[in-house]
Amino acid sequence: MASIVGGFATSHILMSSEGVEDKARRVAEGMAEIGRRIQALSPDLILVVTNDHLFNFGLDLQVPFTIGTADTYTPLGDLAVPQIERPGHRAFAEEFLRYGAERSFDLARVESIKPDHGVSVPMLFADPSNKVPMVPLYLNLMMDPMPSPQRCWALGDVFADFVETRCSSVDRIVVLAAGGLSHWVGYEPRVNEAWDRQFLADLEAGEFRGWAQKDKDEILQAAGNGGLEVIHWLFMAAAVRAQKSETIYYEAIPEWMTGMGGIQAI
């Protein structure tokens, strides 16, 4: 039977290092360390839990959860990511679609997409070889009402059950959550470093469920509309049955409009 061999979360942007050279270097080193740890686990598949930034999914049709079922993915190329094709895993995605439906999660499926930076930046580090199959799982932060932290945690729990009891298409899975930490998209560049550090400290202490019970408006007010991406981290924590986490890197970079952080779940 399949198993989840690792769970990680990381911010999913990289911008110019001009003026923030030391911080940018430490972020790149942190992302590279996450990549090394993932590669050391020799996964057969990487599930990337993320959101689309209105490049693939418009506002005319909004669904809460979408999984990629394509055989291959070519990055959109935003943030200067090379447009090199990556393998997908149709059988795995379809297995989870069916299991999710049995557990009251009716996920949408999508094939014709070009993953934006929310997928492609973390994958630059997670799999620089472009050979490990990847499946993107999109949690929709753009819709109103968006999926709640509680609902995303529950979906992560369902994913854990799926891997433990049903998955037959792969053996070794890494769950990689992408996004966060605090940032305000479309507003003056700023971050909430105190909030970011408290969030990371709480995860280190194993306080995952407390965050899953928070109202999304509380997160929105404290960490911005971009800070809502921490729901991806909560999915990951539920999926790997996390007890605590290790913070691999954190840098507050207002020049990038983002609190940059990354963890490994333990």
Protein backbone atom coordinates (compact mmCIF):
# COMPACT_ATOMS: atom_id res chain seq x y z
CA MET A 1 0.00 0.00 0.00
CA ALA A 2 1.07 3.56 -0.60
CA SER A 3 2.45 5.88 2.06
CA ILE A 4 3.10 9.58 2.51
CA VAL A 5 6.84 9.78 3.10
CA GLY A 6 7.09 13.53 3.67
CA GLY A 7 5.17 16.74 4.14
CA PHE A 8 6.54 20.21 3.44
CA ALA A 9 5.26 23.76 3.00
CA THR A 10 6.93 26.78 1.45
CA SER A 11 6.18 30.22 0.12
CA HIS A 12 5.90 30.13 -3.65
CA ILE A 13 7.50 33.26 -5.06
CA LEU A 14 11.01 34.45 -5.86
CA MET A 15 11.65 38.04 -6.89
CA SER A 16 14.60 40.36 -7.47
CA SER A 17 17.33 40.17 -4.86
CA GLU A 18 18.28 43.82 -5.40
CA GLY A 19 18.40 45.55 -2.03
CA VAL A 20 17.58 42.36 -0.12
CA GLU A 21 20.52 40.24 -1.15
CA ASP A 22 21.10 38.51 2.20
CA LYS A 23 17.43 37.75 2.76
CA ALA A 24 17.01 36.51 -0.80
CA ARG A 25 20.03 34.25 -0.42
CA ARG A 26 18.67 32.73 2.80
CA VAL A 27 15.27 32.15 1.19
CA ALA A 28 16.87 30.44 -1.80
CA GLU A 29 18.98 28.32 0.54
CA GLY A 30 15.88 27.39 2.52
CA MET A 31 13.96 26.37 -0.57
CA ALA A 32 16.95 24.41 -1.79
CA GLU A 33 17.11 22.58 1.55
CA ILE A 34 13.45 21.64 1.23
CA GLY A 35 14.24 20.35 -2.24
CA ARG A 36 17.16 18.26 -0.99
CA ARG A 37 15.00 16.73 1.72
CA ILE A 38 12.28 15.87 -0.77
CA GLN A 39 14.75 14.31 -3.19
CA ALA A 40 16.29 12.24 -0.37
CA LEU A 41 12.86 10.66 0.19
CA SER A 42 12.77 9.34 -3.41
CA PRO A 43 9.07 10.03 -3.98
CA ASP A 44 7.13 8.42 -6.80
CA LEU A 45 4.81 11.43 -6.84
CA ILE A 46 4.60 14.97 -5.46
CA LEU A 47 1.16 16.36 -4.64
CA VAL A 48 1.40 20.16 -4.83
CA VAL A 49 -1.33 21.87 -2.80
CA THR A 50 -1.75 25.41 -4.04
CA ASN A 51 -4.02 28.04 -5.57
CA ASP A 52 -4.27 29.53 -9.03
CA HIS A 53 -3.72 33.28 -9.44
CA LEU A 54 -6.43 33.80 -12.09
CA PHE A 55 -4.16 32.57 -14.87
CA ASN A 56 -6.02 29.32 -15.47
CA PHE A 57 -9.32 29.69 -13.60
CA GLY A 58 -11.32 32.85 -14.20
CA LEU A 59 -14.07 34.41 -12.14
CA ASP A 60 -16.87 33.21 -14.42
CA LEU A 61 -16.84 29.68 -12.99
CA GLN A 62 -15.63 29.07 -9.45
CA VAL A 63 -15.23 25.68 -7.76
CA PRO A 64 -13.70 25.07 -4.32
CA PHE A 65 -11.41 22.11 -5.08
CA THR A 66 -9.79 21.10 -8.37
CA ILE A 67 -7.26 18.37 -9.14
CA GLY A 68 -5.10 18.13 -12.23
CA THR A 69 -5.55 14.93 -14.21
CA ALA A 70 -3.25 15.68 -17.14
CA ASP A 71 -0.43 13.41 -18.27
CA THR A 72 1.97 16.34 -18.51
CA TYR A 73 2.16 19.98 -17.41
CA THR A 74 4.05 22.87 -18.98
CA PRO A 75 4.53 25.87 -16.66
CA LEU A 76 2.91 29.17 -17.56
CA GLY A 77 6.34 30.78 -17.27
CA ASP A 78 5.48 33.67 -14.95
CA LEU A 79 8.26 34.82 -12.61
CA ALA A 80 10.68 33.65 -15.32
CA VAL A 81 10.15 29.95 -14.60
CA PRO A 82 11.45 27.84 -17.52
CA GLN A 83 8.64 26.32 -19.57
CA ILE A 84 9.90 22.76 -19.32
CA GLU A 85 7.32 19.99 -19.40
CA ARG A 86 6.77 17.94 -16.25
CA PRO A 87 5.03 14.56 -15.98
CA GLY A 88 1.64 14.30 -14.32
CA HIS A 89 -0.05 11.16 -13.02
CA ARG A 90 -3.55 10.61 -14.37
CA ALA A 91 -4.18 7.31 -12.58
CA PHE A 92 -3.36 8.74 -9.16
CA ALA A 93 -5.47 11.85 -9.67
CA GLU A 94 -8.46 9.84 -10.85
CA GLU A 95 -8.14 7.44 -7.93
CA PHE A 96 -8.33 10.32 -5.51
CA LEU A 97 -11.23 11.91 -7.41
CA ARG A 98 -13.28 8.76 -6.95
CA TYR A 99 -12.32 8.32 -3.31
CA GLY A 100 -13.07 11.95 -2.55
CA ALA A 101 -16.55 11.60 -4.02
CA GLU A 102 -17.18 8.62 -1.73
CA ARG A 103 -16.19 10.82 1.22
CA SER A 104 -18.42 13.80 0.30
CA PHE A 105 -15.73 15.80 -1.50
CA ASP A 106 -16.70 16.31 -5.14
CA LEU A 107 -13.52 17.63 -6.71
CA ALA A 108 -13.45 19.18 -10.16
CA ARG A 109 -10.94 17.82 -12.64
CA VAL A 110 -8.84 19.84 -15.05
CA GLU A 111 -6.43 18.88 -17.81
CA SER A 112 -5.75 21.91 -19.97
CA ILE A 113 -3.78 24.13 -17.60
CA LYS A 114 -0.39 25.79 -17.46
CA PRO A 115 0.55 25.89 -13.77
CA ASP A 116 1.62 29.34 -12.59
CA HIS A 117 4.25 30.20 -9.97
CA GLY A 118 2.09 28.69 -7.23
CA VAL A 119 3.15 25.29 -8.55
CA SER A 120 6.19 25.87 -10.68
CA VAL A 121 8.42 27.83 -8.29
CA PRO A 122 8.32 25.21 -5.50
CA MET A 123 8.81 22.44 -8.07
CA LEU A 124 12.00 24.08 -9.32
CA PHE A 125 13.51 23.06 -5.99
CA ALA A 126 11.49 19.93 -5.23
CA ASP A 127 12.38 18.25 -8.51
CA PRO A 128 15.01 20.03 -10.60
CA SER A 129 15.21 16.92 -12.80
CA ASN A 130 11.64 17.43 -14.06
CA LYS A 131 11.18 13.67 -13.86
CA VAL A 132 9.08 13.00 -10.75
CA PRO A 133 5.34 12.92 -11.55
CA MET A 134 3.44 15.85 -10.07
CA VAL A 135 -0.26 16.33 -9.40
CA PRO A 136 -1.56 19.84 -8.57
CA LEU A 137 -4.44 20.19 -6.13
CA TYR A 138 -6.02 23.65 -6.16
CA LEU A 139 -7.83 25.11 -3.15
CA ASN A 140 -9.77 28.13 -4.40
CA LEU A 141 -9.13 31.29 -2.40
CA MET A 142 -10.72 33.52 -5.02
CA MET A 143 -14.32 32.44 -4.52
CA ASP A 144 -16.66 33.85 -1.90
CA PRO A 145 -17.28 32.01 0.27
CA MET A 146 -13.94 30.26 -0.06
CA PRO A 147 -13.30 26.81 1.41
CA SER A 148 -12.89 27.23 5.15
CA PRO A 149 -9.74 26.22 7.02
CA GLN A 150 -11.83 23.48 8.66
CA ARG A 151 -12.97 22.15 5.29
CA CYS A 152 -9.43 22.13 3.90
CA TRP A 153 -8.21 20.29 6.99
CA ALA A 154 -10.98 17.74 6.50
CA LEU A 155 -9.95 17.22 2.87
CA GLY A 156 -6.37 16.63 4.00
CA ASP A 157 -7.66 14.03 6.43
CA VAL A 158 -9.58 12.34 3.61
CA PHE A 159 -6.42 12.34 1.50
CA ALA A 160 -4.54 10.61 4.32
CA ASP A 161 -7.23 7.92 4.47
CA PHE A 162 -7.08 7.54 0.69
CA VAL A 163 -3.35 6.91 0.73
CA GLU A 164 -3.61 4.49 3.64
CA THR A 165 -6.52 2.44 2.32
CA ARG A 166 -7.10 2.87 -1.41
CA CYS A 167 -4.18 4.28 -3.40
CA SER A 168 -2.66 1.64 -5.69
CA SER A 169 -1.06 3.70 -8.45
CA VAL A 170 2.06 4.88 -6.57
CA ASP A 171 4.01 3.87 -3.47
CA ARG A 172 5.83 6.91 -2.09
CA ILE A 173 4.10 10.31 -1.93
CA VAL A 174 5.35 13.72 -0.82
CA VAL A 175 2.79 16.42 -0.04
CA LEU A 176 4.11 19.90 -0.79
CA ALA A 177 1.98 22.88 0.26
CA ALA A 178 2.75 26.13 -1.54
CA GLY A 179 1.92 29.70 -0.58
CA GLY A 180 1.93 32.21 2.25
CA LEU A 181 2.91 33.63 4.54
CA SER A 182 1.45 37.09 5.21
CA HIS A 183 0.94 39.33 2.20
CA TRP A 184 -1.61 41.74 0.82
CA VAL A 185 -2.09 41.28 -2.92
CA GLY A 186 -3.05 44.54 -4.62
CA TYR A 187 -2.19 46.74 -1.62
CA GLU A 188 0.87 48.57 -0.33
CA PRO A 189 3.80 46.16 0.14
CA ARG A 190 3.88 44.94 3.72
CA VAL A 191 4.04 41.82 5.83
CA ASN A 192 3.01 40.94 9.37
CA GLU A 193 6.20 39.43 10.74
CA ALA A 194 4.79 38.93 14.24
CA TRP A 195 1.86 36.95 12.84
CA ASP A 196 4.12 34.88 10.61
CA ARG A 197 6.43 33.98 13.47
CA GLN A 198 3.53 33.09 15.76
CA PHE A 199 2.06 30.84 13.08
CA LEU A 200 5.39 29.07 12.60
CA ALA A 201 5.91 28.74 16.36
CA ASP A 202 2.43 27.25 16.77
CA LEU A 203 3.11 24.67 14.07
CA GLU A 204 6.43 23.78 15.69
CA ALA A 205 4.46 23.15 18.90
CA GLY A 206 1.92 20.99 17.07
CA GLU A 207 -0.96 23.47 17.25
CA PHE A 208 -2.31 22.55 13.83
CA ARG A 209 -5.91 21.90 14.77
CA GLY A 210 -6.20 25.25 16.51
CA TRP A 211 -5.36 26.98 13.25
CA ALA A 212 -7.75 24.75 11.34
CA GLN A 213 -10.56 25.97 13.59
CA LYS A 214 -9.90 29.64 12.90
CA ASP A 215 -12.32 31.71 10.87
CA LYS A 216 -10.92 32.75 7.51
CA ASP A 217 -11.76 36.39 8.23
CA GLU A 218 -9.42 36.32 11.23
CA ILE A 219 -6.57 35.16 8.99
CA LEU A 220 -7.54 37.68 6.31
CA GLN A 221 -7.40 40.61 8.72
CA ALA A 222 -4.07 39.64 10.27
CA ALA A 223 -2.18 38.19 7.31
CA GLY A 224 -3.86 39.61 4.22
CA ASN A 225 -5.63 38.02 1.30
CA GLY A 226 -2.39 36.25 0.37
CA GLY A 227 -2.03 34.97 3.92
CA LEU A 228 -5.11 32.84 3.32
CA GLU A 229 -2.77 30.52 1.42
CA VAL A 230 -1.87 28.95 4.76
CA ILE A 231 -4.93 26.75 4.23
CA HIS A 232 -2.64 24.76 1.93
CA TRP A 233 -0.31 24.22 4.88
CA LEU A 234 -3.24 22.98 6.98
CA PHE A 235 -4.25 20.49 4.29
CA MET A 236 -0.69 19.19 4.27
CA ALA A 237 -0.55 18.89 8.05
CA ALA A 238 -3.76 16.88 8.11
CA ALA A 239 -2.64 14.71 5.21
CA VAL A 240 0.62 13.67 6.90
CA ARG A 241 -0.93 13.39 10.40
CA ALA A 242 1.63 15.96 11.55
CA GLN A 243 2.55 16.10 15.22
CA LYS A 244 4.78 19.17 14.95
CA SER A 245 6.99 20.92 12.42
CA GLU A 246 10.51 22.17 11.85
CA THR A 247 10.94 25.68 10.48
CA ILE A 248 13.53 25.53 7.72
CA TYR A 249 13.57 29.21 6.85
CA TYR A 250 11.78 32.49 7.48
CA GLU A 251 12.43 35.99 6.20
CA ALA A 252 10.14 39.01 6.30
CA ILE A 253 10.59 40.73 2.93
CA PRO A 254 8.24 43.68 2.41
CA GLU A 255 10.09 44.39 -0.84
CA TRP A 256 8.66 41.11 -2.11
CA MET A 257 5.31 41.88 -0.47
CA THR A 258 5.55 38.55 1.36
CA GLY A 259 6.57 36.88 4.57
CA MET A 260 8.67 34.03 3.21
CA GLY A 261 8.74 30.76 5.11
CA GLY A 262 9.14 27.02 4.80
CA ILE A 263 8.69 24.00 7.07
CA GLN A 264 8.87 20.24 7.22
CA ALA A 265 6.09 18.46 9.06
CA ILE A 266 7.17 15.85 11.58
